[in-house]
N, C-alpha and C. Protein backbone atom coordinates (compact mmCIF):
# COMPACT_ATOMS: atom_id res chain seq x y z
N UNK A 1 -16.01 -25.82 -68.95
CA UNK A 1 -15.36 -25.79 -67.65
C UNK A 1 -15.50 -24.39 -67.07
N UNK A 2 -15.93 -24.32 -65.82
CA UNK A 2 -16.14 -23.04 -65.16
C UNK A 2 -14.81 -22.45 -64.71
N UNK A 3 -14.61 -21.17 -64.96
CA UNK A 3 -13.39 -20.49 -64.56
C UNK A 3 -13.66 -19.74 -63.27
N UNK A 4 -13.21 -20.30 -62.13
CA UNK A 4 -13.46 -19.69 -60.83
C UNK A 4 -12.41 -18.63 -60.54
N UNK A 5 -12.82 -17.54 -59.88
CA UNK A 5 -11.83 -16.56 -59.47
C UNK A 5 -10.95 -17.14 -58.37
N UNK A 6 -9.72 -16.68 -58.24
CA UNK A 6 -8.84 -17.21 -57.20
C UNK A 6 -9.36 -16.87 -55.82
N UNK A 7 -9.09 -17.75 -54.86
CA UNK A 7 -9.45 -17.49 -53.48
C UNK A 7 -8.43 -16.52 -52.89
N UNK A 8 -8.84 -15.29 -52.56
CA UNK A 8 -7.86 -14.31 -52.09
C UNK A 8 -7.29 -14.62 -50.72
N UNK A 9 -7.87 -15.57 -50.00
CA UNK A 9 -7.39 -15.90 -48.65
C UNK A 9 -6.62 -17.21 -48.63
N UNK A 10 -6.30 -17.74 -49.77
CA UNK A 10 -5.57 -18.99 -49.85
C UNK A 10 -4.17 -18.82 -49.28
N UNK A 11 -3.75 -19.75 -48.42
CA UNK A 11 -2.41 -19.69 -47.84
C UNK A 11 -1.36 -20.06 -48.87
N UNK A 12 -1.71 -20.92 -49.80
CA UNK A 12 -0.78 -21.34 -50.85
C UNK A 12 -1.22 -20.69 -52.16
N UNK A 13 -0.49 -19.69 -52.63
CA UNK A 13 -0.91 -19.05 -53.88
C UNK A 13 -0.84 -20.01 -55.06
N UNK A 14 -1.84 -19.94 -55.94
CA UNK A 14 -1.83 -20.72 -57.17
C UNK A 14 -1.06 -19.90 -58.20
N UNK A 15 0.19 -20.26 -58.40
CA UNK A 15 1.05 -19.46 -59.27
C UNK A 15 1.02 -19.96 -60.71
N UNK A 16 0.21 -20.96 -61.01
CA UNK A 16 0.22 -21.55 -62.34
C UNK A 16 -0.19 -20.56 -63.42
N UNK A 17 -0.99 -19.56 -63.07
CA UNK A 17 -1.44 -18.60 -64.08
C UNK A 17 -0.59 -17.34 -64.12
N UNK A 18 0.44 -17.25 -63.32
CA UNK A 18 1.28 -16.05 -63.31
C UNK A 18 2.17 -16.00 -64.54
N UNK A 19 2.43 -14.82 -64.98
CA UNK A 19 3.31 -14.60 -66.13
C UNK A 19 4.74 -14.51 -65.64
N UNK A 20 5.55 -15.48 -65.98
CA UNK A 20 6.94 -15.53 -65.51
C UNK A 20 7.80 -14.45 -66.15
N UNK A 21 7.29 -13.79 -67.17
CA UNK A 21 8.09 -12.75 -67.80
C UNK A 21 7.99 -11.42 -67.05
N UNK A 22 7.09 -11.31 -66.09
CA UNK A 22 7.04 -10.10 -65.28
C UNK A 22 8.38 -9.93 -64.58
N UNK A 23 8.87 -8.72 -64.54
CA UNK A 23 10.17 -8.51 -63.92
C UNK A 23 10.06 -8.04 -62.47
N UNK A 24 8.84 -8.02 -61.95
CA UNK A 24 8.68 -7.64 -60.55
C UNK A 24 7.35 -8.14 -60.00
N UNK A 25 7.29 -8.22 -58.69
CA UNK A 25 6.06 -8.51 -57.96
C UNK A 25 5.93 -7.44 -56.89
N UNK A 26 4.71 -7.10 -56.54
CA UNK A 26 4.48 -6.12 -55.49
C UNK A 26 3.64 -6.76 -54.40
N UNK A 27 4.03 -6.52 -53.17
CA UNK A 27 3.33 -7.05 -52.01
C UNK A 27 3.07 -5.91 -51.03
N UNK A 28 1.94 -5.99 -50.35
CA UNK A 28 1.65 -5.08 -49.25
C UNK A 28 1.68 -5.92 -47.99
N UNK A 29 2.51 -5.51 -47.04
CA UNK A 29 2.67 -6.27 -45.80
C UNK A 29 2.29 -5.37 -44.63
N UNK A 30 1.42 -5.87 -43.78
CA UNK A 30 1.06 -5.16 -42.55
C UNK A 30 1.44 -6.05 -41.39
N UNK A 31 2.27 -5.57 -40.49
CA UNK A 31 2.68 -6.35 -39.32
C UNK A 31 2.42 -5.54 -38.05
N UNK A 32 2.18 -6.26 -36.97
CA UNK A 32 2.00 -5.62 -35.68
C UNK A 32 2.46 -6.57 -34.60
N UNK A 33 2.80 -6.01 -33.47
CA UNK A 33 3.22 -6.78 -32.31
C UNK A 33 2.02 -6.92 -31.39
N UNK A 34 1.65 -8.15 -31.09
CA UNK A 34 0.45 -8.41 -30.30
C UNK A 34 0.85 -9.01 -28.96
N UNK A 35 0.39 -8.38 -27.88
CA UNK A 35 0.63 -8.93 -26.54
C UNK A 35 -0.23 -10.16 -26.36
N UNK A 36 0.39 -11.24 -25.83
CA UNK A 36 -0.39 -12.45 -25.61
C UNK A 36 -0.65 -12.69 -24.12
N UNK A 37 0.03 -11.94 -23.26
CA UNK A 37 -0.21 -12.03 -21.83
C UNK A 37 -0.13 -10.63 -21.26
N UNK A 38 -0.43 -10.51 -20.00
CA UNK A 38 -0.44 -9.19 -19.39
C UNK A 38 0.96 -8.63 -19.18
N UNK A 39 1.97 -9.50 -19.08
CA UNK A 39 3.33 -8.97 -18.92
C UNK A 39 3.89 -8.52 -20.27
N UNK A 40 4.84 -7.62 -20.26
CA UNK A 40 5.35 -7.03 -21.49
C UNK A 40 6.37 -7.91 -22.21
N UNK A 41 6.75 -9.04 -21.63
CA UNK A 41 7.76 -9.88 -22.25
C UNK A 41 7.19 -10.88 -23.24
N UNK A 42 5.88 -11.09 -23.23
CA UNK A 42 5.26 -12.05 -24.12
C UNK A 42 4.50 -11.33 -25.23
N UNK A 43 5.00 -11.48 -26.43
CA UNK A 43 4.34 -10.84 -27.57
C UNK A 43 4.62 -11.66 -28.82
N UNK A 44 3.73 -11.52 -29.80
CA UNK A 44 3.87 -12.23 -31.08
C UNK A 44 3.80 -11.23 -32.22
N UNK A 45 4.60 -11.48 -33.26
CA UNK A 45 4.45 -10.73 -34.49
C UNK A 45 3.31 -11.36 -35.27
N UNK A 46 2.38 -10.57 -35.68
CA UNK A 46 1.26 -11.03 -36.50
C UNK A 46 1.13 -10.08 -37.69
N UNK A 47 0.40 -10.54 -38.69
CA UNK A 47 0.18 -9.65 -39.81
C UNK A 47 -0.47 -10.34 -40.97
N UNK A 48 -0.51 -9.62 -42.07
CA UNK A 48 -0.99 -10.22 -43.32
C UNK A 48 -0.23 -9.61 -44.47
N UNK A 49 -0.18 -10.38 -45.54
CA UNK A 49 0.52 -9.97 -46.75
C UNK A 49 -0.43 -10.16 -47.92
N UNK A 50 -0.41 -9.22 -48.84
CA UNK A 50 -1.26 -9.28 -50.03
C UNK A 50 -0.39 -9.11 -51.27
N UNK A 51 -0.57 -10.00 -52.24
CA UNK A 51 0.08 -9.84 -53.54
C UNK A 51 -0.78 -8.87 -54.33
N UNK A 52 -0.18 -7.80 -54.79
CA UNK A 52 -0.94 -6.71 -55.40
C UNK A 52 -1.63 -7.13 -56.70
N UNK A 53 -0.97 -7.93 -57.54
CA UNK A 53 -1.55 -8.26 -58.85
C UNK A 53 -2.71 -9.25 -58.77
N UNK A 54 -2.60 -10.29 -57.94
CA UNK A 54 -3.69 -11.27 -57.90
C UNK A 54 -4.55 -11.18 -56.63
N UNK A 55 -4.24 -10.27 -55.74
CA UNK A 55 -5.01 -9.98 -54.53
C UNK A 55 -5.07 -11.13 -53.53
N UNK A 56 -4.21 -12.11 -53.68
CA UNK A 56 -4.18 -13.18 -52.70
C UNK A 56 -3.60 -12.65 -51.40
N UNK A 57 -4.15 -13.17 -50.29
CA UNK A 57 -3.72 -12.74 -48.96
C UNK A 57 -3.31 -13.93 -48.12
N UNK A 58 -2.46 -13.65 -47.18
CA UNK A 58 -2.06 -14.67 -46.22
C UNK A 58 -1.89 -14.00 -44.86
N UNK A 59 -2.56 -14.55 -43.85
CA UNK A 59 -2.40 -14.06 -42.48
C UNK A 59 -1.36 -14.93 -41.80
N UNK A 60 -0.51 -14.33 -40.99
CA UNK A 60 0.56 -15.09 -40.34
C UNK A 60 0.71 -14.68 -38.88
N UNK A 61 1.32 -15.61 -38.10
CA UNK A 61 1.52 -15.39 -36.68
C UNK A 61 2.99 -15.27 -36.31
N UNK A 62 3.86 -15.35 -37.30
CA UNK A 62 5.27 -15.04 -37.10
C UNK A 62 5.82 -14.56 -38.43
N UNK A 63 6.95 -13.91 -38.39
CA UNK A 63 7.48 -13.26 -39.59
C UNK A 63 7.90 -14.24 -40.68
N UNK A 64 8.11 -15.50 -40.34
CA UNK A 64 8.45 -16.48 -41.37
C UNK A 64 7.29 -16.70 -42.34
N UNK A 65 6.10 -16.32 -41.95
CA UNK A 65 4.95 -16.41 -42.85
C UNK A 65 5.09 -15.54 -44.08
N UNK A 66 5.86 -14.47 -43.96
CA UNK A 66 6.10 -13.59 -45.11
C UNK A 66 6.90 -14.36 -46.16
N UNK A 67 7.97 -14.99 -45.73
CA UNK A 67 8.82 -15.76 -46.65
C UNK A 67 8.03 -16.92 -47.25
N UNK A 68 7.23 -17.59 -46.43
CA UNK A 68 6.42 -18.71 -46.89
C UNK A 68 5.48 -18.29 -48.02
N UNK A 69 4.90 -17.11 -47.92
CA UNK A 69 3.96 -16.64 -48.93
C UNK A 69 4.66 -16.16 -50.19
N UNK A 70 5.78 -15.48 -50.06
CA UNK A 70 6.48 -14.90 -51.21
C UNK A 70 7.24 -15.95 -52.03
N UNK A 71 7.74 -16.99 -51.39
CA UNK A 71 8.59 -17.97 -52.05
C UNK A 71 8.01 -18.53 -53.35
N UNK A 72 6.75 -18.94 -53.42
CA UNK A 72 6.24 -19.47 -54.70
C UNK A 72 6.28 -18.46 -55.84
N UNK A 73 6.10 -17.18 -55.53
CA UNK A 73 6.17 -16.16 -56.57
C UNK A 73 7.59 -16.02 -57.10
N UNK A 74 8.57 -16.15 -56.23
CA UNK A 74 9.97 -16.08 -56.65
C UNK A 74 10.35 -17.35 -57.41
N UNK A 75 9.89 -18.48 -56.92
CA UNK A 75 10.21 -19.76 -57.55
C UNK A 75 9.75 -19.83 -59.00
N UNK A 76 8.66 -19.17 -59.32
CA UNK A 76 8.16 -19.25 -60.70
C UNK A 76 9.19 -18.70 -61.68
N UNK A 77 9.98 -17.72 -61.27
CA UNK A 77 11.02 -17.20 -62.17
C UNK A 77 12.07 -18.27 -62.43
N UNK A 78 12.44 -19.03 -61.43
CA UNK A 78 13.49 -20.02 -61.61
C UNK A 78 13.00 -21.26 -62.34
N UNK A 79 11.69 -21.52 -62.34
CA UNK A 79 11.16 -22.71 -63.02
C UNK A 79 10.67 -22.43 -64.42
N UNK A 80 10.24 -21.21 -64.72
CA UNK A 80 9.66 -20.93 -66.02
C UNK A 80 10.55 -20.10 -66.94
N UNK A 81 11.51 -19.41 -66.39
CA UNK A 81 12.38 -18.59 -67.23
C UNK A 81 13.66 -19.39 -67.49
N UNK A 82 14.04 -19.56 -68.74
CA UNK A 82 15.26 -20.32 -69.02
C UNK A 82 16.48 -19.64 -68.41
N UNK A 83 17.39 -20.45 -67.93
CA UNK A 83 18.61 -19.90 -67.36
C UNK A 83 19.48 -19.32 -68.47
N UNK A 84 20.25 -18.28 -68.15
CA UNK A 84 21.10 -17.69 -69.17
C UNK A 84 22.15 -18.70 -69.66
N UNK A 85 22.45 -18.64 -70.95
CA UNK A 85 23.43 -19.55 -71.52
C UNK A 85 24.83 -19.09 -71.15
N UNK A 86 25.69 -20.03 -70.84
CA UNK A 86 27.07 -19.71 -70.46
C UNK A 86 27.92 -19.44 -71.66
């Protein structure tokens, strides 16, 4: 079976190979305000986010794209790490 490198531009990160024992994730986020019309009242937040360890990237057109990209990385901790015993 061929082992393909991850697609760094995938919108949905493949978190199946991530180590859930890592105690942190690092992301680089670049955002900018883009005018969409000639008047100053119409603008969009745009940007991209990169996960530092696996180099996956996601381009977004509103700030909710940041949460959309980061959520699977956070979810892996809740699904793979056993909850503390009471």
